[in-house]
């Protein structure tokens, strides 16, 4: 005999009140109907959740932490002076580029 276990999930409903224009509401309602959602609320929750996850994923792909963002921004606004390795890399690139142009 197999036992089955059912798990009860408690659903907590919280509210967000948003004021939008009539035109915005009609646009959102139309998109909801086109997408086949049962209700406007279901559509708003779905699309907001999807967009929030997308924004978070995009943000985390490039710079993981606030400290990473600060370091990146500082490097852009205050670039370091090129060191010997970077200068040599530029010289090698120019030699390679010049040789490639001669062969064309």
PDB file of N, CA and C in Angstrom:
ATOM      1  N   UNK A   1       0.839  -1.189   0.000  1.00  0.00           N
ATOM      2  CA  UNK A   1       0.000   0.000   0.000  1.00  0.00           C
ATOM      3  C   UNK A   1       0.878   1.245   0.000  1.00  0.00           C
ATOM      4  N   UNK A   2       0.604   2.122  -0.904  1.00  0.00           N
ATOM      5  CA  UNK A   2       1.389   3.349  -1.030  1.00  0.00           C
ATOM      6  C   UNK A   2       0.726   4.460  -0.237  1.00  0.00           C
ATOM      7  N   UNK A   3       1.543   5.233   0.431  1.00  0.00           N
ATOM      8  CA  UNK A   3       1.016   6.381   1.156  1.00  0.00           C
ATOM      9  C   UNK A   3       1.267   7.636   0.332  1.00  0.00           C
ATOM     10  N   UNK A   4       0.304   8.479   0.318  1.00  0.00           N
ATOM     11  CA  UNK A   4       0.500   9.760  -0.354  1.00  0.00           C
ATOM     12  C   UNK A   4       0.443  10.854   0.688  1.00  0.00           C
ATOM     13  N   UNK A   5       1.282  11.801   0.512  1.00  0.00           N
ATOM     14  CA  UNK A   5       1.326  12.924   1.435  1.00  0.00           C
ATOM     15  C   UNK A   5       0.906  14.169   0.683  1.00  0.00           C
ATOM     16  N   UNK A   6       0.010  14.906   1.236  1.00  0.00           N
ATOM     17  CA  UNK A   6      -0.367  16.176   0.630  1.00  0.00           C
ATOM     18  C   UNK A   6       0.187  17.296   1.485  1.00  0.00           C
ATOM     19  N   UNK A   7       0.680  18.262   0.836  1.00  0.00           N
ATOM     20  CA  UNK A   7       1.269  19.404   1.528  1.00  0.00           C
ATOM     21  C   UNK A   7       0.323  20.587   1.369  1.00  0.00           C
ATOM     22  N   UNK A   8      -0.056  21.152   2.467  1.00  0.00           N
ATOM     23  CA  UNK A   8      -0.916  22.328   2.436  1.00  0.00           C
ATOM     24  C   UNK A   8      -0.037  23.560   2.285  1.00  0.00           C
ATOM     25  N   UNK A   9      -0.376  24.372   1.346  1.00  0.00           N
ATOM     26  CA  UNK A   9       0.360  25.602   1.129  1.00  0.00           C
ATOM     27  C   UNK A   9      -0.505  26.764   1.585  1.00  0.00           C
ATOM     28  N   UNK A  10       0.092  27.627   2.360  1.00  0.00           N
ATOM     29  CA  UNK A  10      -0.621  28.810   2.808  1.00  0.00           C
ATOM     30  C   UNK A  10      -0.331  29.931   1.836  1.00  0.00           C
ATOM     31  N   UNK A  11      -1.376  30.493   1.300  1.00  0.00           N
ATOM     32  CA  UNK A  11      -1.237  31.581   0.352  1.00  0.00           C
ATOM     33  C   UNK A  11      -1.541  32.883   1.087  1.00  0.00           C
ATOM     34  N   UNK A  12      -0.588  33.754   1.108  1.00  0.00           N
ATOM     35  CA  UNK A  12      -0.773  35.049   1.757  1.00  0.00           C
ATOM     36  C   UNK A  12      -0.958  36.082   0.666  1.00  0.00           C
ATOM     37  N   UNK A  13      -2.035  36.778   0.730  1.00  0.00           N
ATOM     38  CA  UNK A  13      -2.300  37.817  -0.260  1.00  0.00           C
ATOM     39  C   UNK A  13      -1.900  39.166   0.308  1.00  0.00           C
ATOM     40  N   UNK A  14      -1.055  39.838  -0.403  1.00  0.00           N
ATOM     41  CA  UNK A  14      -0.642  41.184  -0.034  1.00  0.00           C
ATOM     42  C   UNK A  14      -1.097  42.093  -1.156  1.00  0.00           C
ATOM     43  N   UNK A  15      -1.164  43.351  -0.884  1.00  0.00           N
ATOM     44  CA  UNK A  15      -1.677  44.291  -1.877  1.00  0.00           C
ATOM     45  C   UNK A  15      -0.616  45.311  -2.251  1.00  0.00           C
ATOM     46  N   UNK A  16      -0.724  45.736  -3.483  1.00  0.00           N
ATOM     47  CA  UNK A  16       0.022  46.895  -3.970  1.00  0.00           C
ATOM     48  C   UNK A  16      -1.012  47.777  -4.655  1.00  0.00           C
ATOM     49  N   UNK A  17      -1.132  48.981  -4.208  1.00  0.00           N
ATOM     50  CA  UNK A  17      -2.062  49.913  -4.828  1.00  0.00           C
ATOM     51  C   UNK A  17      -1.286  50.821  -5.774  1.00  0.00           C
ATOM     52  N   UNK A  18      -1.781  50.894  -6.999  1.00  0.00           N
ATOM     53  CA  UNK A  18      -1.118  51.679  -8.023  1.00  0.00           C
ATOM     54  C   UNK A  18      -2.148  52.544  -8.722  1.00  0.00           C
ATOM     55  N   UNK A  19      -1.819  53.774  -8.914  1.00  0.00           N
ATOM     56  CA  UNK A  19      -2.698  54.662  -9.670  1.00  0.00           C
ATOM     57  C   UNK A  19      -2.138  54.790 -11.081  1.00  0.00           C
ATOM     58  N   UNK A  20      -2.999  54.518 -12.055  1.00  0.00           N
ATOM     59  CA  UNK A  20      -2.611  54.642 -13.455  1.00  0.00           C
ATOM     60  C   UNK A  20      -3.732  55.351 -14.205  1.00  0.00           C
ATOM     61  N   UNK A  21      -3.398  55.821 -15.373  1.00  0.00           N
ATOM     62  CA  UNK A  21      -4.413  56.506 -16.178  1.00  0.00           C
ATOM     63  C   UNK A  21      -5.398  55.476 -16.743  1.00  0.00           C
ATOM     64  N   UNK A  22      -6.529  55.962 -17.164  1.00  0.00           N
ATOM     65  CA  UNK A  22      -7.546  55.099 -17.774  1.00  0.00           C
ATOM     66  C   UNK A  22      -6.981  54.431 -19.030  1.00  0.00           C
ATOM     67  N   UNK A  23      -6.211  55.198 -19.807  1.00  0.00           N
ATOM     68  CA  UNK A  23      -5.614  54.667 -21.030  1.00  0.00           C
ATOM     69  C   UNK A  23      -4.642  53.526 -20.722  1.00  0.00           C
ATOM     70  N   UNK A  24      -3.827  53.712 -19.680  1.00  0.00           N
ATOM     71  CA  UNK A  24      -2.891  52.654 -19.287  1.00  0.00           C
ATOM     72  C   UNK A  24      -3.644  51.398 -18.860  1.00  0.00           C
ATOM     73  N   UNK A  25      -4.712  51.579 -18.087  1.00  0.00           N
ATOM     74  CA  UNK A  25      -5.488  50.431 -17.630  1.00  0.00           C
ATOM     75  C   UNK A  25      -6.104  49.691 -18.813  1.00  0.00           C
ATOM     76  N   UNK A  26      -6.649  50.416 -19.769  1.00  0.00           N
ATOM     77  CA  UNK A  26      -7.263  49.781 -20.938  1.00  0.00           C
ATOM     78  C   UNK A  26      -6.215  49.022 -21.751  1.00  0.00           C
ATOM     79  N   UNK A  27      -5.033  49.601 -21.899  1.00  0.00           N
ATOM     80  CA  UNK A  27      -3.948  48.941 -22.621  1.00  0.00           C
ATOM     81  C   UNK A  27      -3.557  47.638 -21.927  1.00  0.00           C
ATOM     82  N   UNK A  28      -3.372  47.706 -20.621  1.00  0.00           N
ATOM     83  CA  UNK A  28      -2.982  46.525 -19.846  1.00  0.00           C
ATOM     84  C   UNK A  28      -4.088  45.475 -19.893  1.00  0.00           C
ATOM     85  N   UNK A  29      -5.321  45.914 -19.770  1.00  0.00           N
ATOM     86  CA  UNK A  29      -6.458  44.991 -19.816  1.00  0.00           C
ATOM     87  C   UNK A  29      -6.516  44.300 -21.180  1.00  0.00           C
ATOM     88  N   UNK A  30      -6.315  45.025 -22.246  1.00  0.00           N
ATOM     89  CA  UNK A  30      -6.333  44.463 -23.591  1.00  0.00           C
ATOM     90  C   UNK A  30      -5.226  43.423 -23.754  1.00  0.00           C
ATOM     91  N   UNK A  31      -4.027  43.750 -23.285  1.00  0.00           N
ATOM     92  CA  UNK A  31      -2.907  42.809 -23.364  1.00  0.00           C
ATOM     93  C   UNK A  31      -3.209  41.547 -22.549  1.00  0.00           C
ATOM     94  N   UNK A  32      -3.836  41.730 -21.411  1.00  0.00           N
ATOM     95  CA  UNK A  32      -4.210  40.597 -20.567  1.00  0.00           C
ATOM     96  C   UNK A  32      -5.182  39.679 -21.293  1.00  0.00           C
ATOM     97  N   UNK A  33      -6.177  40.266 -21.924  1.00  0.00           N
ATOM     98  CA  UNK A  33      -7.165  39.478 -22.665  1.00  0.00           C
ATOM     99  C   UNK A  33      -6.526  38.750 -23.843  1.00  0.00           C
ATOM    100  N   UNK A  34      -5.647  39.441 -24.560  1.00  0.00           N
ATOM    101  CA  UNK A  34      -4.948  38.813 -25.680  1.00  0.00           C
ATOM    102  C   UNK A  34      -4.089  37.636 -25.226  1.00  0.00           C
ATOM    103  N   UNK A  35      -3.534  37.745 -24.032  1.00  0.00           N
ATOM    104  CA  UNK A  35      -2.653  36.698 -23.510  1.00  0.00           C
ATOM    105  C   UNK A  35      -3.424  35.542 -22.886  1.00  0.00           C
ATOM    106  N   UNK A  36      -4.728  35.712 -22.699  1.00  0.00           N
ATOM    107  CA  UNK A  36      -5.543  34.623 -22.178  1.00  0.00           C
ATOM    108  C   UNK A  36      -5.546  34.480 -20.670  1.00  0.00           C
ATOM    109  N   UNK A  37      -5.203  35.519 -19.956  1.00  0.00           N
ATOM    110  CA  UNK A  37      -5.229  35.450 -18.504  1.00  0.00           C
ATOM    111  C   UNK A  37      -6.664  35.525 -17.999  1.00  0.00           C
ATOM    112  N   UNK A  38      -6.911  34.875 -16.856  1.00  0.00           N
ATOM    113  CA  UNK A  38      -8.254  34.844 -16.273  1.00  0.00           C
ATOM    114  C   UNK A  38      -8.664  36.198 -15.711  1.00  0.00           C
ATOM    115  N   UNK A  39      -7.676  36.914 -15.212  1.00  0.00           N
ATOM    116  CA  UNK A  39      -7.994  38.208 -14.601  1.00  0.00           C
ATOM    117  C   UNK A  39      -6.868  39.198 -14.869  1.00  0.00           C
ATOM    118  N   UNK A  40      -7.204  40.448 -14.696  1.00  0.00           N
ATOM    119  CA  UNK A  40      -6.211  41.507 -14.850  1.00  0.00           C
ATOM    120  C   UNK A  40      -5.133  41.379 -13.780  1.00  0.00           C
ATOM    121  N   UNK A  41      -5.544  41.043 -12.574  1.00  0.00           N
ATOM    122  CA  UNK A  41      -4.576  40.870 -11.480  1.00  0.00           C
ATOM    123  C   UNK A  41      -3.582  39.761 -11.787  1.00  0.00           C
ATOM    124  N   UNK A  42      -4.075  38.648 -12.315  1.00  0.00           N
ATOM    125  CA  UNK A  42      -3.196  37.526 -12.657  1.00  0.00           C
ATOM    126  C   UNK A  42      -2.168  37.962 -13.701  1.00  0.00           C
ATOM    127  N   UNK A  43      -2.617  38.710 -14.693  1.00  0.00           N
ATOM    128  CA  UNK A  43      -1.719  39.212 -15.733  1.00  0.00           C
ATOM    129  C   UNK A  43      -0.664  40.148 -15.156  1.00  0.00           C
ATOM    130  N   UNK A  44      -1.092  41.062 -14.307  1.00  0.00           N
ATOM    131  CA  UNK A  44      -0.160  42.032 -13.725  1.00  0.00           C
ATOM    132  C   UNK A  44       0.875  41.327 -12.858  1.00  0.00           C
ATOM    133  N   UNK A  45       0.440  40.381 -12.043  1.00  0.00           N
ATOM    134  CA  UNK A  45       1.380  39.650 -11.186  1.00  0.00           C
ATOM    135  C   UNK A  45       2.367  38.862 -12.055  1.00  0.00           C
ATOM    136  N   UNK A  46       1.857  38.176 -13.079  1.00  0.00           N
ATOM    137  CA  UNK A  46       2.722  37.380 -13.945  1.00  0.00           C
ATOM    138  C   UNK A  46       3.756  38.246 -14.655  1.00  0.00           C
ATOM    139  N   UNK A  47       3.313  39.306 -15.305  1.00  0.00           N
ATOM    140  CA  UNK A  47       4.243  40.124 -16.091  1.00  0.00           C
ATOM    141  C   UNK A  47       5.209  40.905 -15.207  1.00  0.00           C
ATOM    142  N   UNK A  48       4.738  41.368 -14.067  1.00  0.00           N
ATOM    143  CA  UNK A  48       5.624  42.090 -13.147  1.00  0.00           C
ATOM    144  C   UNK A  48       6.685  41.154 -12.591  1.00  0.00           C
ATOM    145  N   UNK A  49       6.281  39.950 -12.220  1.00  0.00           N
ATOM    146  CA  UNK A  49       7.220  38.970 -11.696  1.00  0.00           C
ATOM    147  C   UNK A  49       8.250  38.579 -12.753  1.00  0.00           C
ATOM    148  N   UNK A  50       7.793  38.356 -13.986  1.00  0.00           N
ATOM    149  CA  UNK A  50       8.696  37.997 -15.075  1.00  0.00           C
ATOM    150  C   UNK A  50       9.707  39.115 -15.340  1.00  0.00           C
ATOM    151  N   UNK A  51       9.238  40.346 -15.371  1.00  0.00           N
ATOM    152  CA  UNK A  51      10.128  41.481 -15.636  1.00  0.00           C
ATOM    153  C   UNK A  51      11.106  41.701 -14.482  1.00  0.00           C
ATOM    154  N   UNK A  52      10.641  41.536 -13.261  1.00  0.00           N
ATOM    155  CA  UNK A  52      11.527  41.685 -12.096  1.00  0.00           C
ATOM    156  C   UNK A  52      12.639  40.640 -12.143  1.00  0.00           C
ATOM    157  N   UNK A  53      12.285  39.403 -12.444  1.00  0.00           N
ATOM    158  CA  UNK A  53      13.300  38.348 -12.546  1.00  0.00           C
ATOM    159  C   UNK A  53      14.284  38.629 -13.670  1.00  0.00           C
ATOM    160  N   UNK A  54      13.797  39.151 -14.777  1.00  0.00           N
ATOM    161  CA  UNK A  54      14.668  39.497 -15.911  1.00  0.00           C
ATOM    162  C   UNK A  54      15.655  40.604 -15.523  1.00  0.00           C
ATOM    163  N   UNK A  55      15.166  41.624 -14.860  1.00  0.00           N
ATOM    164  CA  UNK A  55      16.026  42.734 -14.438  1.00  0.00           C
ATOM    165  C   UNK A  55      17.094  42.248 -13.466  1.00  0.00           C
ATOM    166  N   UNK A  56      16.692  41.422 -12.517  1.00  0.00           N
ATOM    167  CA  UNK A  56      17.641  40.893 -11.526  1.00  0.00           C
ATOM    168  C   UNK A  56      18.683  40.019 -12.205  1.00  0.00           C
ATOM    169  N   UNK A  57      18.248  39.149 -13.131  1.00  0.00           N
ATOM    170  CA  UNK A  57      19.195  38.271 -13.830  1.00  0.00           C
ATOM    171  C   UNK A  57      20.187  39.080 -14.656  1.00  0.00           C
ATOM    172  N   UNK A  58      19.706  40.078 -15.374  1.00  0.00           N
ATOM    173  CA  UNK A  58      20.602  40.919 -16.180  1.00  0.00           C
ATOM    174  C   UNK A  58      21.584  41.669 -15.301  1.00  0.00           C
ATOM    175  N   UNK A  59      21.115  42.157 -14.184  1.00  0.00           N
ATOM    176  CA  UNK A  59      21.970  42.894 -13.265  1.00  0.00           C
ATOM    177  C   UNK A  59      23.043  41.983 -12.680  1.00  0.00           C
ATOM    178  N   UNK A  60      22.687  40.759 -12.364  1.00  0.00           N
ATOM    179  CA  UNK A  60      23.631  39.834 -11.742  1.00  0.00           C
ATOM    180  C   UNK A  60      24.616  39.231 -12.730  1.00  0.00           C
ATOM    181  N   UNK A  61      24.309  39.269 -14.010  1.00  0.00           N
ATOM    182  CA  UNK A  61      25.216  38.703 -15.005  1.00  0.00           C
ATOM    183  C   UNK A  61      26.498  39.510 -15.132  1.00  0.00           C
ATOM    184  N   UNK A  62      26.402  40.794 -15.016  1.00  0.00           N
ATOM    185  CA  UNK A  62      27.561  41.645 -15.279  1.00  0.00           C
ATOM    186  C   UNK A  62      28.310  41.979 -13.992  1.00  0.00           C
ATOM    187  N   UNK A  63      27.638  42.553 -13.069  1.00  0.00           N
ATOM    188  CA  UNK A  63      28.271  42.985 -11.839  1.00  0.00           C
ATOM    189  C   UNK A  63      27.478  42.418 -10.659  1.00  0.00           C
ATOM    190  N   UNK A  64      28.108  41.564  -9.897  1.00  0.00           N
ATOM    191  CA  UNK A  64      27.408  40.822  -8.850  1.00  0.00           C
ATOM    192  C   UNK A  64      27.082  41.662  -7.614  1.00  0.00           C
ATOM    193  N   UNK A  65      27.990  42.467  -7.200  1.00  0.00           N
ATOM    194  CA  UNK A  65      27.774  43.172  -5.933  1.00  0.00           C
ATOM    195  C   UNK A  65      27.871  44.688  -6.127  1.00  0.00           C
ATOM    196  N   UNK A  66      27.452  45.386  -5.132  1.00  0.00           N
ATOM    197  CA  UNK A  66      27.573  46.841  -5.149  1.00  0.00           C
ATOM    198  C   UNK A  66      29.047  47.245  -5.218  1.00  0.00           C
ATOM    199  N   UNK A  67      29.897  46.486  -4.545  1.00  0.00           N
ATOM    200  CA  UNK A  67      31.336  46.777  -4.575  1.00  0.00           C
ATOM    201  C   UNK A  67      31.889  46.604  -5.994  1.00  0.00           C
ATOM    202  N   UNK A  68      31.430  45.562  -6.715  1.00  0.00           N
ATOM    203  CA  UNK A  68      31.843  45.367  -8.112  1.00  0.00           C
ATOM    204  C   UNK A  68      31.445  46.573  -8.951  1.00  0.00           C
ATOM    205  N   UNK A  69      30.255  47.078  -8.725  1.00  0.00           N
ATOM    206  CA  UNK A  69      29.762  48.231  -9.482  1.00  0.00           C
ATOM    207  C   UNK A  69      30.606  49.467  -9.188  1.00  0.00           C
ATOM    208  N   UNK A  70      30.975  49.653  -7.941  1.00  0.00           N
ATOM    209  CA  UNK A  70      31.808  50.804  -7.561  1.00  0.00           C
ATOM    210  C   UNK A  70      33.180  50.712  -8.219  1.00  0.00           C
ATOM    211  N   UNK A  71      33.759  49.514  -8.213  1.00  0.00           N
ATOM    212  CA  UNK A  71      35.079  49.315  -8.825  1.00  0.00           C
ATOM    213  C   UNK A  71      35.011  49.585 -10.324  1.00  0.00           C
ATOM    214  N   UNK A  72      33.966  49.059 -10.971  1.00  0.00           N
ATOM    215  CA  UNK A  72      33.797  49.260 -12.412  1.00  0.00           C
ATOM    216  C   UNK A  72      33.649  50.739 -12.741  1.00  0.00           C
ATOM    217  N   UNK A  73      32.762  51.411 -12.025  1.00  0.00           N
ATOM    218  CA  UNK A  73      32.528  52.828 -12.276  1.00  0.00           C
ATOM    219  C   UNK A  73      33.799  53.651 -12.039  1.00  0.00           C
ATOM    220  N   UNK A  74      34.521  53.325 -10.994  1.00  0.00           N
ATOM    221  CA  UNK A  74      35.770  54.037 -10.711  1.00  0.00           C
ATOM    222  C   UNK A  74      36.777  53.826 -11.833  1.00  0.00           C
ATOM    223  N   UNK A  75      36.859  52.605 -12.369  1.00  0.00           N
ATOM    224  CA  UNK A  75      37.791  52.320 -13.470  1.00  0.00           C
ATOM    225  C   UNK A  75      37.412  53.095 -14.727  1.00  0.00           C
ATOM    226  N   UNK A  76      36.110  53.280 -14.952  1.00  0.00           N
ATOM    227  CA  UNK A  76      35.662  54.037 -16.125  1.00  0.00           C
ATOM    228  C   UNK A  76      35.945  55.527 -15.952  1.00  0.00           C
ATOM    229  N   UNK A  77      35.632  56.042 -14.771  1.00  0.00           N
ATOM    230  CA  UNK A  77      35.797  57.479 -14.528  1.00  0.00           C
ATOM    231  C   UNK A  77      37.243  57.870 -14.272  1.00  0.00           C
ATOM    232  N   UNK A  78      38.034  56.956 -13.720  1.00  0.00           N
ATOM    233  CA  UNK A  78      39.436  57.236 -13.395  1.00  0.00           C
ATOM    234  C   UNK A  78      40.314  56.097 -13.904  1.00  0.00           C
ATOM    235  N   UNK A  79      40.485  55.993 -15.213  1.00  0.00           N
ATOM    236  CA  UNK A  79      41.249  54.857 -15.739  1.00  0.00           C
ATOM    237  C   UNK A  79      42.707  54.902 -15.282  1.00  0.00           C
ATOM    238  N   UNK A  80      43.277  53.730 -14.995  1.00  0.00           N
ATOM    239  CA  UNK A  80      44.677  53.700 -14.567  1.00  0.00           C
ATOM    240  C   UNK A  80      45.610  54.016 -15.737  1.00  0.00           C
ATOM    241  N   UNK A  81      46.807  54.453 -15.429  1.00  0.00           N
ATOM    242  CA  UNK A  81      47.826  54.725 -16.439  1.00  0.00           C
ATOM    243  C   UNK A  81      48.273  53.388 -17.022  1.00  0.00           C
ATOM    244  N   UNK A  82      48.416  53.277 -18.345  1.00  0.00           N
ATOM    245  CA  UNK A  82      48.829  52.004 -18.945  1.00  0.00           C
ATOM    246  C   UNK A  82      50.194  51.560 -18.409  1.00  0.00           C
ATOM    247  N   UNK A  83      50.294  50.280 -18.039  1.00  0.00           N
ATOM    248  CA  UNK A  83      51.575  49.750 -17.570  1.00  0.00           C
ATOM    249  C   UNK A  83      52.364  49.198 -18.753  1.00  0.00           C
ATOM    250  N   UNK A  84      53.543  48.654 -18.490  1.00  0.00           N
ATOM    251  CA  UNK A  84      54.425  48.167 -19.555  1.00  0.00           C
ATOM    252  C   UNK A  84      53.771  47.039 -20.351  1.00  0.00           C
ATOM    253  N   UNK A  85      53.082  46.141 -19.681  1.00  0.00           N
ATOM    254  CA  UNK A  85      52.438  45.021 -20.390  1.00  0.00           C
ATOM    255  C   UNK A  85      51.376  45.519 -21.370  1.00  0.00           C
ATOM    256  N   UNK A  86      50.595  46.492 -20.957  1.00  0.00           N
ATOM    257  CA  UNK A  86      49.560  47.026 -21.839  1.00  0.00           C
ATOM    258  C   UNK A  86      50.186  47.750 -23.028  1.00  0.00           C
ATOM    259  N   UNK A  87      51.253  48.497 -22.781  1.00  0.00           N
ATOM    260  CA  UNK A  87      51.946  49.187 -23.875  1.00  0.00           C
ATOM    261  C   UNK A  87      52.532  48.183 -24.863  1.00  0.00           C
ATOM    262  N   UNK A  88      53.117  47.092 -24.360  1.00  0.00           N
ATOM    263  CA  UNK A  88      53.659  46.052 -25.242  1.00  0.00           C
ATOM    264  C   UNK A  88      52.550  45.370 -26.038  1.00  0.00           C
ATOM    265  N   UNK A  89      51.428  45.151 -25.401  1.00  0.00           N
ATOM    266  CA  UNK A  89      50.287  44.539 -26.097  1.00  0.00           C
ATOM    267  C   UNK A  89      49.826  45.435 -27.242  1.00  0.00           C
ATOM    268  N   UNK A  90      49.795  46.739 -27.030  1.00  0.00           N
ATOM    269  CA  UNK A  90      49.402  47.669 -28.084  1.00  0.00           C
ATOM    270  C   UNK A  90      50.406  47.641 -29.235  1.00  0.00           C
ATOM    271  N   UNK A  91      51.680  47.615 -28.915  1.00  0.00           N
ATOM    272  CA  UNK A  91      52.708  47.543 -29.966  1.00  0.00           C
ATOM    273  C   UNK A  91      52.564  46.255 -30.775  1.00  0.00           C
ATOM    274  N   UNK A  92      52.365  45.136 -30.082  1.00  0.00           N
ATOM    275  CA  UNK A  92      52.194  43.851 -30.773  1.00  0.00           C
ATOM    276  C   UNK A  92      50.949  43.867 -31.653  1.00  0.00           C
ATOM    277  N   UNK A  93      49.875  44.446 -31.167  1.00  0.00           N
ATOM    278  CA  UNK A  93      48.640  44.545 -31.950  1.00  0.00           C
ATOM    279  C   UNK A  93      48.890  45.364 -33.220  1.00  0.00           C
ATOM    280  N   UNK A  94      49.569  46.496 -33.084  1.00  0.00           N
ATOM    281  CA  UNK A  94      49.834  47.345 -34.254  1.00  0.00           C
ATOM    282  C   UNK A  94      50.706  46.624 -35.277  1.00  0.00           C
ATOM    283  N   UNK A  95      51.730  45.881 -34.792  1.00  0.00           N
ATOM    284  CA  UNK A  95      52.586  45.110 -35.703  1.00  0.00           C
ATOM    285  C   UNK A  95      51.758  44.056 -36.424  1.00  0.00           C
ATOM    286  N   UNK A  96      50.900  43.362 -35.690  1.00  0.00           N
ATOM    287  CA  UNK A  96      50.052  42.321 -36.270  1.00  0.00           C
ATOM    288  C   UNK A  96      49.104  42.935 -37.294  1.00  0.00           C
ATOM    289  N   UNK A  97      48.497  44.058 -36.946  1.00  0.00           N
ATOM    290  CA  UNK A  97      47.552  44.730 -37.846  1.00  0.00           C
ATOM    291  C   UNK A  97      48.262  45.204 -39.121  1.00  0.00           C
ATOM    292  N   UNK A  98      49.435  45.810 -38.948  1.00  0.00           N
ATOM    293  CA  UNK A  98      50.198  46.290 -40.107  1.00  0.00           C
ATOM    294  C   UNK A  98      50.600  45.135 -41.008  1.00  0.00           C
ATOM    295  N   UNK A  99      51.036  44.022 -40.433  1.00  0.00           N
ATOM    296  CA  UNK A  99      51.442  42.855 -41.222  1.00  0.00           C
ATOM    297  C   UNK A  99      50.234  42.285 -41.958  1.00  0.00           C
ATOM    298  N   UNK A 100      49.100  42.273 -41.323  1.00  0.00           N
ATOM    299  CA  UNK A 100      47.872  41.752 -41.932  1.00  0.00           C
ATOM    300  C   UNK A 100      47.439  42.612 -43.108  1.00  0.00           C
ATOM    301  N   UNK A 101      47.595  43.945 -42.983  1.00  0.00           N
ATOM    302  CA  UNK A 101      47.221  44.860 -44.059  1.00  0.00           C
ATOM    303  C   UNK A 101      48.152  44.700 -45.263  1.00  0.00           C
ATOM    304  N   UNK A 102      49.414  44.406 -45.012  1.00  0.00           N
ATOM    305  CA  UNK A 102      50.378  44.206 -46.091  1.00  0.00           C
ATOM    306  C   UNK A 102      50.029  42.941 -46.871  1.00  0.00           C
ATOM    307  N   UNK A 103      49.584  41.905 -46.165  1.00  0.00           N
ATOM    308  CA  UNK A 103      49.234  40.620 -46.807  1.00  0.00           C
ATOM    309  C   UNK A 103      47.930  40.693 -47.593  1.00  0.00           C
ATOM    310  N   UNK A 104      47.107  41.667 -47.333  1.00  0.00           N
ATOM    311  CA  UNK A 104      45.837  41.812 -48.061  1.00  0.00           C
ATOM    312  C   UNK A 104      46.118  42.451 -49.356  1.00  0.00           C
TER     313      UNK A 104
END
